[in-house]
């Protein structure tokens, strides 16, 4: 898990380009999603974190985004209630 506040913009672009980062998340809401998600793009920088893999996000108790990961969100919702 990498906090956005710990990276410069150049470092972030480099990590995305080299595929070190695949998912983004909101640390307050405990939600993760795709890097291109519109909801994630509107998030405050201090709340944004990045994950190397989806497994890393799930292991840290984050749930899938209902906007960009609809099918995984539906499965999560069924299994969590």
N, C-alpha and C. Protein backbone atom coordinates (compact mmCIF):
# COMPACT_ATOMS: atom_id res chain seq x y z
N UNK A 1 0.85 -1.17 0.00
CA UNK A 1 0.00 0.00 0.00
C UNK A 1 0.90 1.24 0.00
N UNK A 2 0.65 2.12 -0.93
CA UNK A 2 1.45 3.33 -1.08
C UNK A 2 0.53 4.54 -0.96
N UNK A 3 0.83 5.45 -0.06
CA UNK A 3 0.04 6.66 0.10
C UNK A 3 0.43 7.68 -0.96
N UNK A 4 -0.56 8.32 -1.55
CA UNK A 4 -0.31 9.30 -2.61
C UNK A 4 0.56 10.45 -2.09
N UNK A 5 0.38 10.82 -0.86
CA UNK A 5 1.15 11.93 -0.30
C UNK A 5 2.64 11.62 -0.19
N UNK A 6 3.02 10.34 -0.29
CA UNK A 6 4.42 9.94 -0.21
C UNK A 6 5.12 9.98 -1.56
N UNK A 7 4.36 10.22 -2.63
CA UNK A 7 4.92 10.19 -3.97
C UNK A 7 4.83 11.55 -4.65
N UNK A 8 5.84 11.87 -5.42
CA UNK A 8 5.73 13.05 -6.29
C UNK A 8 4.92 12.64 -7.52
N UNK A 9 4.47 13.60 -8.27
CA UNK A 9 3.70 13.28 -9.48
C UNK A 9 4.55 12.48 -10.47
N UNK A 10 5.82 12.80 -10.58
CA UNK A 10 6.71 12.08 -11.50
C UNK A 10 6.90 10.63 -11.04
N UNK A 11 7.06 10.42 -9.74
CA UNK A 11 7.21 9.06 -9.21
C UNK A 11 5.95 8.24 -9.46
N UNK A 12 4.81 8.87 -9.26
CA UNK A 12 3.54 8.19 -9.47
C UNK A 12 3.39 7.76 -10.93
N UNK A 13 3.64 8.69 -11.85
CA UNK A 13 3.55 8.35 -13.28
C UNK A 13 4.51 7.22 -13.64
N UNK A 14 5.71 7.25 -13.08
CA UNK A 14 6.70 6.21 -13.35
C UNK A 14 6.21 4.85 -12.85
N UNK A 15 5.65 4.81 -11.65
CA UNK A 15 5.16 3.55 -11.09
C UNK A 15 3.96 3.00 -11.87
N UNK A 16 3.11 3.87 -12.35
CA UNK A 16 1.97 3.43 -13.16
C UNK A 16 2.47 2.92 -14.51
N UNK A 17 3.39 3.66 -15.13
CA UNK A 17 3.93 3.28 -16.43
C UNK A 17 4.68 1.94 -16.36
N UNK A 18 5.42 1.72 -15.28
CA UNK A 18 6.17 0.47 -15.12
C UNK A 18 5.30 -0.64 -14.52
N UNK A 19 4.02 -0.38 -14.35
CA UNK A 19 3.03 -1.32 -13.84
C UNK A 19 3.32 -1.82 -12.43
N UNK A 20 3.90 -0.96 -11.62
CA UNK A 20 4.09 -1.26 -10.20
C UNK A 20 2.80 -0.99 -9.42
N UNK A 21 1.93 -0.15 -9.98
CA UNK A 21 0.66 0.21 -9.34
C UNK A 21 -0.46 -0.15 -10.31
N UNK A 22 -1.47 -0.88 -9.80
CA UNK A 22 -2.58 -1.29 -10.66
C UNK A 22 -3.94 -0.79 -10.18
N UNK A 23 -4.06 -0.50 -8.89
CA UNK A 23 -5.34 -0.08 -8.32
C UNK A 23 -5.15 1.11 -7.39
N UNK A 24 -6.19 1.92 -7.29
CA UNK A 24 -6.19 3.04 -6.36
C UNK A 24 -7.29 2.83 -5.34
N UNK A 25 -7.18 3.53 -4.21
CA UNK A 25 -8.20 3.38 -3.19
C UNK A 25 -8.36 4.62 -2.33
N UNK A 26 -9.44 4.62 -1.58
CA UNK A 26 -9.74 5.69 -0.64
C UNK A 26 -9.54 5.13 0.76
N UNK A 27 -8.54 5.65 1.48
CA UNK A 27 -8.21 5.08 2.79
C UNK A 27 -9.27 5.35 3.84
N UNK A 28 -10.05 6.42 3.71
CA UNK A 28 -11.11 6.69 4.68
C UNK A 28 -12.32 5.80 4.46
N UNK A 29 -12.68 5.59 3.20
CA UNK A 29 -13.87 4.81 2.87
C UNK A 29 -13.58 3.32 2.70
N UNK A 30 -12.29 2.96 2.61
CA UNK A 30 -11.86 1.57 2.43
C UNK A 30 -12.43 0.98 1.14
N UNK A 31 -12.31 1.75 0.04
CA UNK A 31 -12.78 1.33 -1.27
C UNK A 31 -11.58 1.32 -2.22
N UNK A 32 -11.50 0.32 -3.10
CA UNK A 32 -10.45 0.31 -4.13
C UNK A 32 -11.10 0.17 -5.50
N UNK A 33 -10.38 0.63 -6.52
CA UNK A 33 -10.90 0.54 -7.88
C UNK A 33 -9.80 0.73 -8.90
N UNK A 34 -10.24 0.81 -10.14
CA UNK A 34 -9.32 0.98 -11.26
C UNK A 34 -8.75 2.40 -11.27
N UNK A 35 -7.57 2.56 -11.79
CA UNK A 35 -6.92 3.87 -11.79
C UNK A 35 -7.66 4.90 -12.64
N UNK A 36 -8.39 4.46 -13.64
CA UNK A 36 -9.11 5.39 -14.51
C UNK A 36 -10.52 5.73 -14.05
N UNK A 37 -10.91 5.26 -12.90
CA UNK A 37 -12.27 5.48 -12.39
C UNK A 37 -12.52 6.97 -12.11
N UNK A 38 -13.66 7.47 -12.55
CA UNK A 38 -13.98 8.88 -12.33
C UNK A 38 -14.13 9.21 -10.85
N UNK A 39 -14.65 8.29 -10.06
CA UNK A 39 -14.79 8.54 -8.62
C UNK A 39 -13.41 8.68 -7.97
N UNK A 40 -12.48 7.86 -8.38
CA UNK A 40 -11.13 7.92 -7.84
C UNK A 40 -10.39 9.19 -8.23
N UNK A 41 -10.68 9.68 -9.41
CA UNK A 41 -10.02 10.91 -9.87
C UNK A 41 -10.47 12.13 -9.09
N UNK A 42 -11.68 12.09 -8.53
CA UNK A 42 -12.20 13.22 -7.75
C UNK A 42 -11.78 13.17 -6.28
N UNK A 43 -11.17 12.11 -5.87
CA UNK A 43 -10.78 11.91 -4.48
C UNK A 43 -9.69 12.89 -4.04
N UNK A 44 -9.74 13.29 -2.79
CA UNK A 44 -8.68 14.15 -2.25
C UNK A 44 -7.37 13.38 -2.20
N UNK A 45 -6.30 14.08 -2.50
CA UNK A 45 -4.97 13.46 -2.53
C UNK A 45 -4.61 12.80 -1.19
N UNK A 46 -4.97 13.44 -0.07
CA UNK A 46 -4.59 12.88 1.23
C UNK A 46 -5.35 11.59 1.56
N UNK A 47 -6.45 11.30 0.86
CA UNK A 47 -7.21 10.07 1.08
C UNK A 47 -6.84 8.97 0.10
N UNK A 48 -6.07 9.29 -0.93
CA UNK A 48 -5.78 8.34 -2.00
C UNK A 48 -4.57 7.47 -1.67
N UNK A 49 -4.74 6.17 -1.91
CA UNK A 49 -3.65 5.22 -1.76
C UNK A 49 -3.61 4.34 -3.00
N UNK A 50 -2.53 3.63 -3.18
CA UNK A 50 -2.36 2.77 -4.35
C UNK A 50 -1.97 1.37 -3.92
N UNK A 51 -2.40 0.40 -4.73
CA UNK A 51 -2.11 -1.00 -4.46
C UNK A 51 -1.40 -1.62 -5.65
N UNK A 52 -0.51 -2.54 -5.35
CA UNK A 52 0.20 -3.27 -6.39
C UNK A 52 -0.74 -4.26 -7.06
N UNK A 53 -1.63 -4.85 -6.26
CA UNK A 53 -2.55 -5.85 -6.80
C UNK A 53 -3.91 -5.74 -6.13
N UNK A 54 -4.89 -6.37 -6.74
CA UNK A 54 -6.22 -6.42 -6.15
C UNK A 54 -6.19 -7.23 -4.85
N UNK A 55 -5.39 -8.26 -4.83
CA UNK A 55 -5.25 -9.10 -3.64
C UNK A 55 -4.76 -8.27 -2.45
N UNK A 56 -3.82 -7.37 -2.69
CA UNK A 56 -3.32 -6.51 -1.63
C UNK A 56 -4.44 -5.64 -1.05
N UNK A 57 -5.29 -5.11 -1.91
CA UNK A 57 -6.41 -4.29 -1.46
C UNK A 57 -7.38 -5.11 -0.61
N UNK A 58 -7.70 -6.30 -1.07
CA UNK A 58 -8.63 -7.17 -0.34
C UNK A 58 -8.04 -7.59 1.01
N UNK A 59 -6.76 -7.91 1.04
CA UNK A 59 -6.10 -8.30 2.29
C UNK A 59 -6.09 -7.17 3.32
N UNK A 60 -6.17 -5.93 2.84
CA UNK A 60 -6.22 -4.76 3.73
C UNK A 60 -7.65 -4.32 4.01
N UNK A 61 -8.61 -5.22 3.74
CA UNK A 61 -10.04 -5.02 4.03
C UNK A 61 -10.68 -3.88 3.26
N UNK A 62 -10.28 -3.69 2.01
CA UNK A 62 -10.91 -2.71 1.13
C UNK A 62 -11.95 -3.44 0.28
N UNK A 63 -13.03 -2.75 -0.06
CA UNK A 63 -14.07 -3.34 -0.90
C UNK A 63 -13.98 -2.77 -2.31
N UNK A 64 -14.50 -3.50 -3.32
CA UNK A 64 -14.47 -3.00 -4.70
C UNK A 64 -15.37 -1.78 -4.88
N UNK A 65 -14.98 -0.92 -5.80
CA UNK A 65 -15.76 0.26 -6.16
C UNK A 65 -17.03 -0.16 -6.89
N UNK A 66 -18.16 0.41 -6.52
CA UNK A 66 -19.42 0.11 -7.17
C UNK A 66 -19.55 0.74 -8.54
N UNK A 67 -18.69 1.69 -8.87
CA UNK A 67 -18.77 2.38 -10.16
C UNK A 67 -17.93 1.68 -11.23
N UNK A 68 -16.68 1.44 -10.96
CA UNK A 68 -15.79 0.89 -11.99
C UNK A 68 -15.61 -0.63 -11.91
N UNK A 69 -16.06 -1.23 -10.81
CA UNK A 69 -15.92 -2.69 -10.63
C UNK A 69 -17.27 -3.28 -10.22
N UNK A 70 -18.28 -3.04 -11.04
CA UNK A 70 -19.67 -3.38 -10.69
C UNK A 70 -19.87 -4.85 -10.34
N UNK A 71 -19.33 -5.76 -11.14
CA UNK A 71 -19.54 -7.19 -10.89
C UNK A 71 -18.88 -7.63 -9.59
N UNK A 72 -17.65 -7.20 -9.37
CA UNK A 72 -16.96 -7.57 -8.13
C UNK A 72 -17.64 -6.94 -6.93
N UNK A 73 -18.16 -5.71 -7.10
CA UNK A 73 -18.90 -5.05 -6.02
C UNK A 73 -20.16 -5.84 -5.68
N UNK A 74 -20.89 -6.30 -6.70
CA UNK A 74 -22.11 -7.08 -6.46
C UNK A 74 -21.80 -8.35 -5.69
N UNK A 75 -20.73 -9.05 -6.08
CA UNK A 75 -20.32 -10.27 -5.37
C UNK A 75 -19.93 -9.95 -3.94
N UNK A 76 -19.19 -8.86 -3.75
CA UNK A 76 -18.78 -8.45 -2.40
C UNK A 76 -20.01 -8.17 -1.54
N UNK A 77 -20.96 -7.45 -2.11
CA UNK A 77 -22.17 -7.07 -1.38
C UNK A 77 -22.99 -8.30 -0.97
N UNK A 78 -23.12 -9.26 -1.85
CA UNK A 78 -23.85 -10.49 -1.53
C UNK A 78 -23.16 -11.26 -0.43
N UNK A 79 -21.84 -11.35 -0.52
CA UNK A 79 -21.06 -12.13 0.46
C UNK A 79 -20.89 -11.45 1.80
N UNK A 80 -21.05 -10.13 1.85
CA UNK A 80 -20.79 -9.42 3.10
C UNK A 80 -22.04 -9.28 3.97
N UNK A 81 -23.21 -9.59 3.42
CA UNK A 81 -24.45 -9.45 4.20
C UNK A 81 -25.09 -10.76 4.46
